[in-house]
Amino acid sequence: MSFHSCWLLKPKSDAPFLAQEDVLDRLAVAFPVHEFDAEGARAGAAKRLELLEKLGAPEAILNSYRGDPPVGCRIAEAPNASYCLEFFVWPDQSIMVVFATEVHCKACFFLLDDMAEILGYELEEDTEAS
């Protein structure tokens, strides 16, 4: 039996999204073990957009890739941690974090909780994606 769990971080009630730079600044301060990759994420998004266009994806999905690019993020508890959280921060979009295994979820869920608190966001399981 496989395990897959998908979580969304998003502003509480009607609060606006934090600016992408604010999200990254808060994460950098709160998680000393972090990596941000704007160039790699930008290149990956451009490749996905090209493929989605060829496949005839719905315009709403294509438009999400045509906007400002994401930043790839990796945070961990310690430099030599066995598990980390990897996700993208897109401007004005929820942050999606996926756990592929139960062990990964148990090892890193506290980081996800901490992220929600630091950003002032709520945490919601995306049961449609899980």
N, C-alpha and C. Protein backbone atom coordinates (compact mmCIF):
# COMPACT_ATOMS: atom_id res chain seq x y z
N MET A 1 0.85 -1.18 0.00
CA MET A 1 0.00 0.00 0.00
C MET A 1 0.89 1.24 0.00
N SER A 2 0.58 2.21 -0.85
CA SER A 2 1.41 3.40 -0.93
C SER A 2 0.90 4.50 -0.01
N PHE A 3 1.79 5.38 0.32
CA PHE A 3 1.46 6.52 1.17
C PHE A 3 1.73 7.78 0.36
N HIS A 4 0.81 8.71 0.42
CA HIS A 4 0.99 9.99 -0.26
C HIS A 4 0.14 11.00 0.49
N SER A 5 0.77 12.10 0.89
CA SER A 5 0.05 13.12 1.64
C SER A 5 0.45 14.49 1.10
N CYS A 6 -0.55 15.30 0.77
CA CYS A 6 -0.32 16.61 0.19
C CYS A 6 -0.96 17.67 1.09
N TRP A 7 -0.18 18.71 1.40
CA TRP A 7 -0.64 19.76 2.30
C TRP A 7 -0.48 21.13 1.64
N LEU A 8 -1.42 22.01 1.94
CA LEU A 8 -1.38 23.38 1.43
C LEU A 8 -1.22 24.35 2.58
N LEU A 9 -0.35 25.32 2.40
CA LEU A 9 -0.20 26.45 3.31
C LEU A 9 -0.80 27.65 2.60
N LYS A 10 -1.76 28.32 3.25
CA LYS A 10 -2.41 29.46 2.62
C LYS A 10 -2.83 30.46 3.68
N PRO A 11 -3.05 31.70 3.28
CA PRO A 11 -3.44 32.71 4.27
C PRO A 11 -4.73 32.33 4.99
N LYS A 12 -4.82 32.76 6.22
CA LYS A 12 -6.03 32.52 7.00
C LYS A 12 -7.17 33.39 6.49
N SER A 13 -8.35 32.84 6.48
CA SER A 13 -9.59 33.49 6.03
C SER A 13 -9.36 34.39 4.82
N ASP A 14 -9.64 35.67 4.94
CA ASP A 14 -9.54 36.58 3.80
C ASP A 14 -8.23 37.35 3.76
N ALA A 15 -7.24 36.92 4.50
CA ALA A 15 -5.94 37.61 4.50
C ALA A 15 -5.26 37.44 3.15
N PRO A 16 -4.49 38.42 2.73
CA PRO A 16 -3.78 38.31 1.45
C PRO A 16 -2.56 37.39 1.57
N PHE A 17 -2.07 36.93 0.44
CA PHE A 17 -0.82 36.17 0.41
C PHE A 17 0.32 37.12 0.78
N LEU A 18 1.31 36.60 1.45
CA LEU A 18 2.53 37.36 1.67
C LEU A 18 3.27 37.49 0.34
N ALA A 19 4.01 38.57 0.18
CA ALA A 19 4.85 38.70 -1.00
C ALA A 19 5.87 37.58 -1.01
N GLN A 20 6.24 37.11 -2.18
CA GLN A 20 7.20 36.02 -2.31
C GLN A 20 8.48 36.33 -1.52
N GLU A 21 8.97 37.54 -1.61
CA GLU A 21 10.20 37.93 -0.91
C GLU A 21 10.02 37.83 0.60
N ASP A 22 8.83 38.21 1.10
CA ASP A 22 8.57 38.11 2.54
C ASP A 22 8.56 36.66 3.00
N VAL A 23 7.96 35.79 2.20
CA VAL A 23 7.95 34.36 2.53
C VAL A 23 9.39 33.85 2.64
N LEU A 24 10.20 34.16 1.63
CA LEU A 24 11.59 33.68 1.64
C LEU A 24 12.39 34.26 2.80
N ASP A 25 12.19 35.55 3.08
CA ASP A 25 12.88 36.17 4.21
C ASP A 25 12.52 35.49 5.53
N ARG A 26 11.24 35.24 5.74
CA ARG A 26 10.79 34.59 6.98
C ARG A 26 11.34 33.17 7.10
N LEU A 27 11.33 32.45 6.00
CA LEU A 27 11.86 31.08 6.03
C LEU A 27 13.36 31.09 6.31
N ALA A 28 14.09 32.02 5.72
CA ALA A 28 15.54 32.10 5.92
C ALA A 28 15.89 32.38 7.38
N VAL A 29 15.11 33.24 8.01
CA VAL A 29 15.36 33.57 9.42
C VAL A 29 14.99 32.40 10.32
N ALA A 30 13.87 31.76 10.04
CA ALA A 30 13.35 30.71 10.92
C ALA A 30 14.06 29.37 10.75
N PHE A 31 14.57 29.10 9.56
CA PHE A 31 15.20 27.82 9.28
C PHE A 31 16.63 28.06 8.81
N PRO A 32 17.59 28.02 9.71
CA PRO A 32 18.97 28.26 9.31
C PRO A 32 19.47 27.30 8.23
N VAL A 33 18.90 26.11 8.16
CA VAL A 33 19.27 25.16 7.12
C VAL A 33 18.22 25.28 6.01
N HIS A 34 18.56 26.08 5.00
CA HIS A 34 17.64 26.32 3.89
C HIS A 34 18.43 26.57 2.60
N GLU A 35 17.78 26.27 1.50
CA GLU A 35 18.32 26.55 0.17
C GLU A 35 17.18 27.12 -0.67
N PHE A 36 17.47 28.17 -1.41
CA PHE A 36 16.50 28.76 -2.33
C PHE A 36 17.11 28.73 -3.72
N ASP A 37 16.34 28.27 -4.70
CA ASP A 37 16.84 28.14 -6.07
C ASP A 37 15.86 28.79 -7.03
N ALA A 38 16.05 30.07 -7.28
CA ALA A 38 15.18 30.80 -8.20
C ALA A 38 15.45 30.39 -9.65
N GLU A 39 16.72 30.28 -10.02
CA GLU A 39 17.06 29.97 -11.41
C GLU A 39 16.59 28.58 -11.82
N GLY A 40 16.85 27.59 -10.98
CA GLY A 40 16.43 26.23 -11.29
C GLY A 40 14.91 26.11 -11.38
N ALA A 41 14.22 26.77 -10.46
CA ALA A 41 12.76 26.73 -10.48
C ALA A 41 12.20 27.43 -11.70
N ARG A 42 12.80 28.54 -12.07
CA ARG A 42 12.36 29.30 -13.26
C ARG A 42 12.53 28.43 -14.51
N ALA A 43 13.68 27.78 -14.63
CA ALA A 43 13.93 26.92 -15.79
C ALA A 43 12.97 25.74 -15.83
N GLY A 44 12.73 25.14 -14.67
CA GLY A 44 11.80 24.01 -14.60
C GLY A 44 10.38 24.41 -14.96
N ALA A 45 9.95 25.58 -14.49
CA ALA A 45 8.60 26.07 -14.80
C ALA A 45 8.47 26.34 -16.30
N ALA A 46 9.51 26.89 -16.92
CA ALA A 46 9.47 27.16 -18.36
C ALA A 46 9.35 25.86 -19.16
N LYS A 47 10.07 24.82 -18.73
CA LYS A 47 9.99 23.52 -19.41
C LYS A 47 8.60 22.90 -19.24
N ARG A 48 8.04 23.01 -18.02
CA ARG A 48 6.70 22.46 -17.78
C ARG A 48 5.66 23.21 -18.62
N LEU A 49 5.81 24.54 -18.71
CA LEU A 49 4.87 25.33 -19.52
C LEU A 49 4.92 24.88 -20.98
N GLU A 50 6.11 24.70 -21.51
CA GLU A 50 6.26 24.26 -22.89
C GLU A 50 5.57 22.91 -23.11
N LEU A 51 5.79 21.98 -22.20
CA LEU A 51 5.17 20.66 -22.31
C LEU A 51 3.65 20.75 -22.18
N LEU A 52 3.18 21.53 -21.22
CA LEU A 52 1.73 21.66 -21.02
C LEU A 52 1.06 22.30 -22.23
N GLU A 53 1.74 23.26 -22.85
CA GLU A 53 1.19 23.86 -24.06
C GLU A 53 1.06 22.82 -25.17
N LYS A 54 2.08 21.99 -25.32
CA LYS A 54 2.05 20.94 -26.35
C LYS A 54 0.94 19.93 -26.09
N LEU A 55 0.68 19.67 -24.79
CA LEU A 55 -0.36 18.70 -24.43
C LEU A 55 -1.76 19.30 -24.48
N GLY A 56 -1.85 20.63 -24.66
CA GLY A 56 -3.16 21.28 -24.72
C GLY A 56 -3.81 21.42 -23.36
N ALA A 57 -3.02 21.70 -22.34
CA ALA A 57 -3.56 21.87 -20.99
C ALA A 57 -4.54 23.04 -20.94
N PRO A 58 -5.45 23.02 -19.98
CA PRO A 58 -6.42 24.12 -19.85
C PRO A 58 -5.71 25.47 -19.65
N GLU A 59 -6.33 26.50 -20.16
CA GLU A 59 -5.74 27.85 -20.11
C GLU A 59 -5.46 28.30 -18.67
N ALA A 60 -6.30 27.93 -17.73
CA ALA A 60 -6.07 28.33 -16.33
C ALA A 60 -4.75 27.78 -15.81
N ILE A 61 -4.42 26.56 -16.17
CA ILE A 61 -3.15 25.96 -15.74
C ILE A 61 -1.99 26.64 -16.46
N LEU A 62 -2.15 26.86 -17.75
CA LEU A 62 -1.09 27.53 -18.51
C LEU A 62 -0.82 28.92 -17.96
N ASN A 63 -1.86 29.64 -17.62
CA ASN A 63 -1.68 31.00 -17.09
C ASN A 63 -0.94 31.01 -15.76
N SER A 64 -1.10 29.96 -14.97
CA SER A 64 -0.38 29.91 -13.69
C SER A 64 1.13 29.79 -13.91
N TYR A 65 1.53 29.22 -15.04
CA TYR A 65 2.95 29.09 -15.37
C TYR A 65 3.48 30.31 -16.11
N ARG A 66 2.60 31.11 -16.66
CA ARG A 66 3.02 32.29 -17.42
C ARG A 66 3.30 33.49 -16.53
N GLY A 67 2.85 33.47 -15.31
CA GLY A 67 3.05 34.59 -14.40
C GLY A 67 4.47 34.63 -13.86
N ASP A 68 4.64 35.34 -12.77
CA ASP A 68 5.95 35.43 -12.14
C ASP A 68 6.42 34.03 -11.74
N PRO A 69 7.70 33.77 -11.89
CA PRO A 69 8.23 32.42 -11.65
C PRO A 69 8.31 32.06 -10.17
N PRO A 70 8.38 30.76 -9.90
CA PRO A 70 8.51 30.29 -8.52
C PRO A 70 9.96 30.32 -8.06
N VAL A 71 10.13 30.06 -6.77
CA VAL A 71 11.45 29.83 -6.19
C VAL A 71 11.40 28.45 -5.55
N GLY A 72 12.34 27.61 -5.89
CA GLY A 72 12.44 26.28 -5.28
C GLY A 72 13.04 26.42 -3.89
N CYS A 73 12.48 25.73 -2.93
CA CYS A 73 12.93 25.84 -1.53
C CYS A 73 13.18 24.46 -0.94
N ARG A 74 14.17 24.41 -0.09
CA ARG A 74 14.48 23.20 0.68
C ARG A 74 14.83 23.66 2.08
N ILE A 75 14.12 23.10 3.09
CA ILE A 75 14.44 23.40 4.48
C ILE A 75 14.62 22.09 5.23
N ALA A 76 15.47 22.14 6.24
CA ALA A 76 15.75 20.93 7.03
C ALA A 76 16.01 21.33 8.47
N GLU A 77 15.95 20.34 9.33
CA GLU A 77 16.19 20.53 10.75
C GLU A 77 17.68 20.75 11.04
N ALA A 78 18.52 20.06 10.30
CA ALA A 78 19.96 20.13 10.52
C ALA A 78 20.66 19.91 9.18
N PRO A 79 21.92 20.35 9.06
CA PRO A 79 22.64 20.19 7.79
C PRO A 79 22.73 18.74 7.31
N ASN A 80 22.79 17.81 8.23
CA ASN A 80 22.93 16.40 7.85
C ASN A 80 21.63 15.60 8.05
N ALA A 81 20.50 16.30 8.07
CA ALA A 81 19.21 15.64 8.30
C ALA A 81 18.92 14.63 7.19
N SER A 82 18.33 13.51 7.57
CA SER A 82 17.97 12.48 6.59
C SER A 82 16.80 12.91 5.71
N TYR A 83 15.95 13.79 6.22
CA TYR A 83 14.77 14.23 5.49
C TYR A 83 14.68 15.75 5.52
N CYS A 84 14.07 16.31 4.48
CA CYS A 84 13.86 17.74 4.41
C CYS A 84 12.52 18.01 3.72
N LEU A 85 12.10 19.25 3.73
CA LEU A 85 10.92 19.66 2.98
C LEU A 85 11.39 20.34 1.70
N GLU A 86 10.81 19.97 0.58
CA GLU A 86 11.10 20.60 -0.69
C GLU A 86 9.77 21.07 -1.29
N PHE A 87 9.75 22.30 -1.75
CA PHE A 87 8.52 22.90 -2.26
C PHE A 87 8.86 24.13 -3.09
N PHE A 88 7.85 24.68 -3.74
CA PHE A 88 8.01 25.89 -4.53
C PHE A 88 7.19 27.00 -3.91
N VAL A 89 7.71 28.20 -3.94
CA VAL A 89 6.96 29.37 -3.52
C VAL A 89 6.66 30.17 -4.79
N TRP A 90 5.39 30.16 -5.16
CA TRP A 90 4.89 30.93 -6.31
C TRP A 90 4.27 32.20 -5.77
N PRO A 91 4.39 33.31 -6.47
CA PRO A 91 3.71 34.53 -6.02
C PRO A 91 2.20 34.34 -5.98
N ASP A 92 1.60 34.77 -4.90
CA ASP A 92 0.14 34.77 -4.74
C ASP A 92 -0.52 33.40 -4.94
N GLN A 93 0.18 32.34 -4.52
CA GLN A 93 -0.40 31.01 -4.57
C GLN A 93 -0.11 30.26 -3.27
N SER A 94 -0.95 29.30 -2.96
CA SER A 94 -0.71 28.45 -1.81
C SER A 94 0.60 27.69 -2.01
N ILE A 95 1.23 27.35 -0.90
CA ILE A 95 2.45 26.55 -0.95
C ILE A 95 2.04 25.09 -0.77
N MET A 96 2.43 24.24 -1.71
CA MET A 96 2.08 22.82 -1.65
C MET A 96 3.31 22.02 -1.21
N VAL A 97 3.11 21.20 -0.18
CA VAL A 97 4.17 20.32 0.30
C VAL A 97 3.64 18.89 0.24
N VAL A 98 4.43 18.02 -0.38
CA VAL A 98 4.01 16.63 -0.57
C VAL A 98 4.95 15.70 0.19
N PHE A 99 4.37 14.76 0.90
CA PHE A 99 5.13 13.70 1.56
C PHE A 99 4.85 12.41 0.79
N ALA A 100 5.89 11.78 0.28
CA ALA A 100 5.72 10.56 -0.50
C ALA A 100 5.67 9.32 0.38
N THR A 101 6.24 9.42 1.59
CA THR A 101 6.25 8.26 2.49
C THR A 101 5.79 8.68 3.88
N GLU A 102 5.32 7.71 4.61
CA GLU A 102 4.89 7.97 5.99
C GLU A 102 6.09 8.36 6.86
N VAL A 103 7.24 7.75 6.61
CA VAL A 103 8.46 8.07 7.36
C VAL A 103 8.84 9.53 7.13
N HIS A 104 8.80 9.98 5.89
CA HIS A 104 9.11 11.38 5.57
C HIS A 104 8.13 12.31 6.28
N CYS A 105 6.85 11.97 6.25
CA CYS A 105 5.83 12.78 6.91
C CYS A 105 6.10 12.89 8.41
N LYS A 106 6.36 11.77 9.05
CA LYS A 106 6.62 11.77 10.50
C LYS A 106 7.90 12.54 10.83
N ALA A 107 8.90 12.45 9.96
CA ALA A 107 10.19 13.11 10.22
C ALA A 107 10.11 14.62 10.03
N CYS A 108 9.22 15.10 9.17
CA CYS A 108 9.25 16.52 8.79
C CYS A 108 7.95 17.30 9.01
N PHE A 109 6.91 16.64 9.50
CA PHE A 109 5.65 17.37 9.63
C PHE A 109 5.78 18.56 10.57
N PHE A 110 6.61 18.45 11.58
CA PHE A 110 6.80 19.57 12.51
C PHE A 110 7.37 20.79 11.79
N LEU A 111 8.19 20.58 10.75
CA LEU A 111 8.70 21.70 9.96
C LEU A 111 7.56 22.40 9.22
N LEU A 112 6.63 21.61 8.72
CA LEU A 112 5.46 22.16 8.04
C LEU A 112 4.60 22.97 9.01
N ASP A 113 4.39 22.44 10.20
CA ASP A 113 3.66 23.18 11.24
C ASP A 113 4.36 24.49 11.57
N ASP A 114 5.67 24.43 11.71
CA ASP A 114 6.45 25.64 11.99
C ASP A 114 6.32 26.65 10.87
N MET A 115 6.36 26.18 9.62
CA MET A 115 6.20 27.09 8.48
C MET A 115 4.87 27.82 8.54
N ALA A 116 3.81 27.09 8.82
CA ALA A 116 2.49 27.70 8.89
C ALA A 116 2.46 28.80 9.95
N GLU A 117 3.02 28.52 11.09
CA GLU A 117 3.04 29.52 12.18
C GLU A 117 3.88 30.74 11.80
N ILE A 118 5.05 30.51 11.24
CA ILE A 118 5.96 31.59 10.87
C ILE A 118 5.35 32.50 9.81
N LEU A 119 4.62 31.91 8.87
CA LEU A 119 4.02 32.69 7.80
C LEU A 119 2.65 33.25 8.17
N GLY A 120 2.08 32.78 9.28
CA GLY A 120 0.74 33.20 9.66
C GLY A 120 -0.31 32.59 8.74
N TYR A 121 0.01 31.44 8.18
CA TYR A 121 -0.87 30.74 7.24
C TYR A 121 -1.56 29.59 7.96
N GLU A 122 -2.62 29.10 7.33
CA GLU A 122 -3.26 27.89 7.83
C GLU A 122 -2.78 26.71 7.02
N LEU A 123 -2.86 25.56 7.63
CA LEU A 123 -2.40 24.31 7.03
C LEU A 123 -3.62 23.45 6.75
N GLU A 124 -3.72 22.97 5.51
CA GLU A 124 -4.88 22.18 5.12
C GLU A 124 -4.43 21.00 4.27
N GLU A 125 -4.92 19.81 4.59
CA GLU A 125 -4.59 18.66 3.76
C GLU A 125 -5.40 18.76 2.46
N ASP A 126 -4.73 18.56 1.35
CA ASP A 126 -5.36 18.57 0.04
C ASP A 126 -5.72 17.13 -0.30
N THR A 127 -6.90 16.73 0.08
CA THR A 127 -7.31 15.34 -0.10
C THR A 127 -7.52 14.98 -1.57
N GLU A 128 -7.75 15.97 -2.43
CA GLU A 128 -7.90 15.69 -3.86
C GLU A 128 -6.57 15.33 -4.48
N ALA A 129 -5.48 15.92 -3.97
CA ALA A 129 -4.14 15.64 -4.52
C ALA A 129 -3.50 14.46 -3.80
N SER A 130 -3.93 14.16 -2.58
CA SER A 130 -3.32 13.08 -1.80
C SER A 130 -3.72 11.73 -2.32
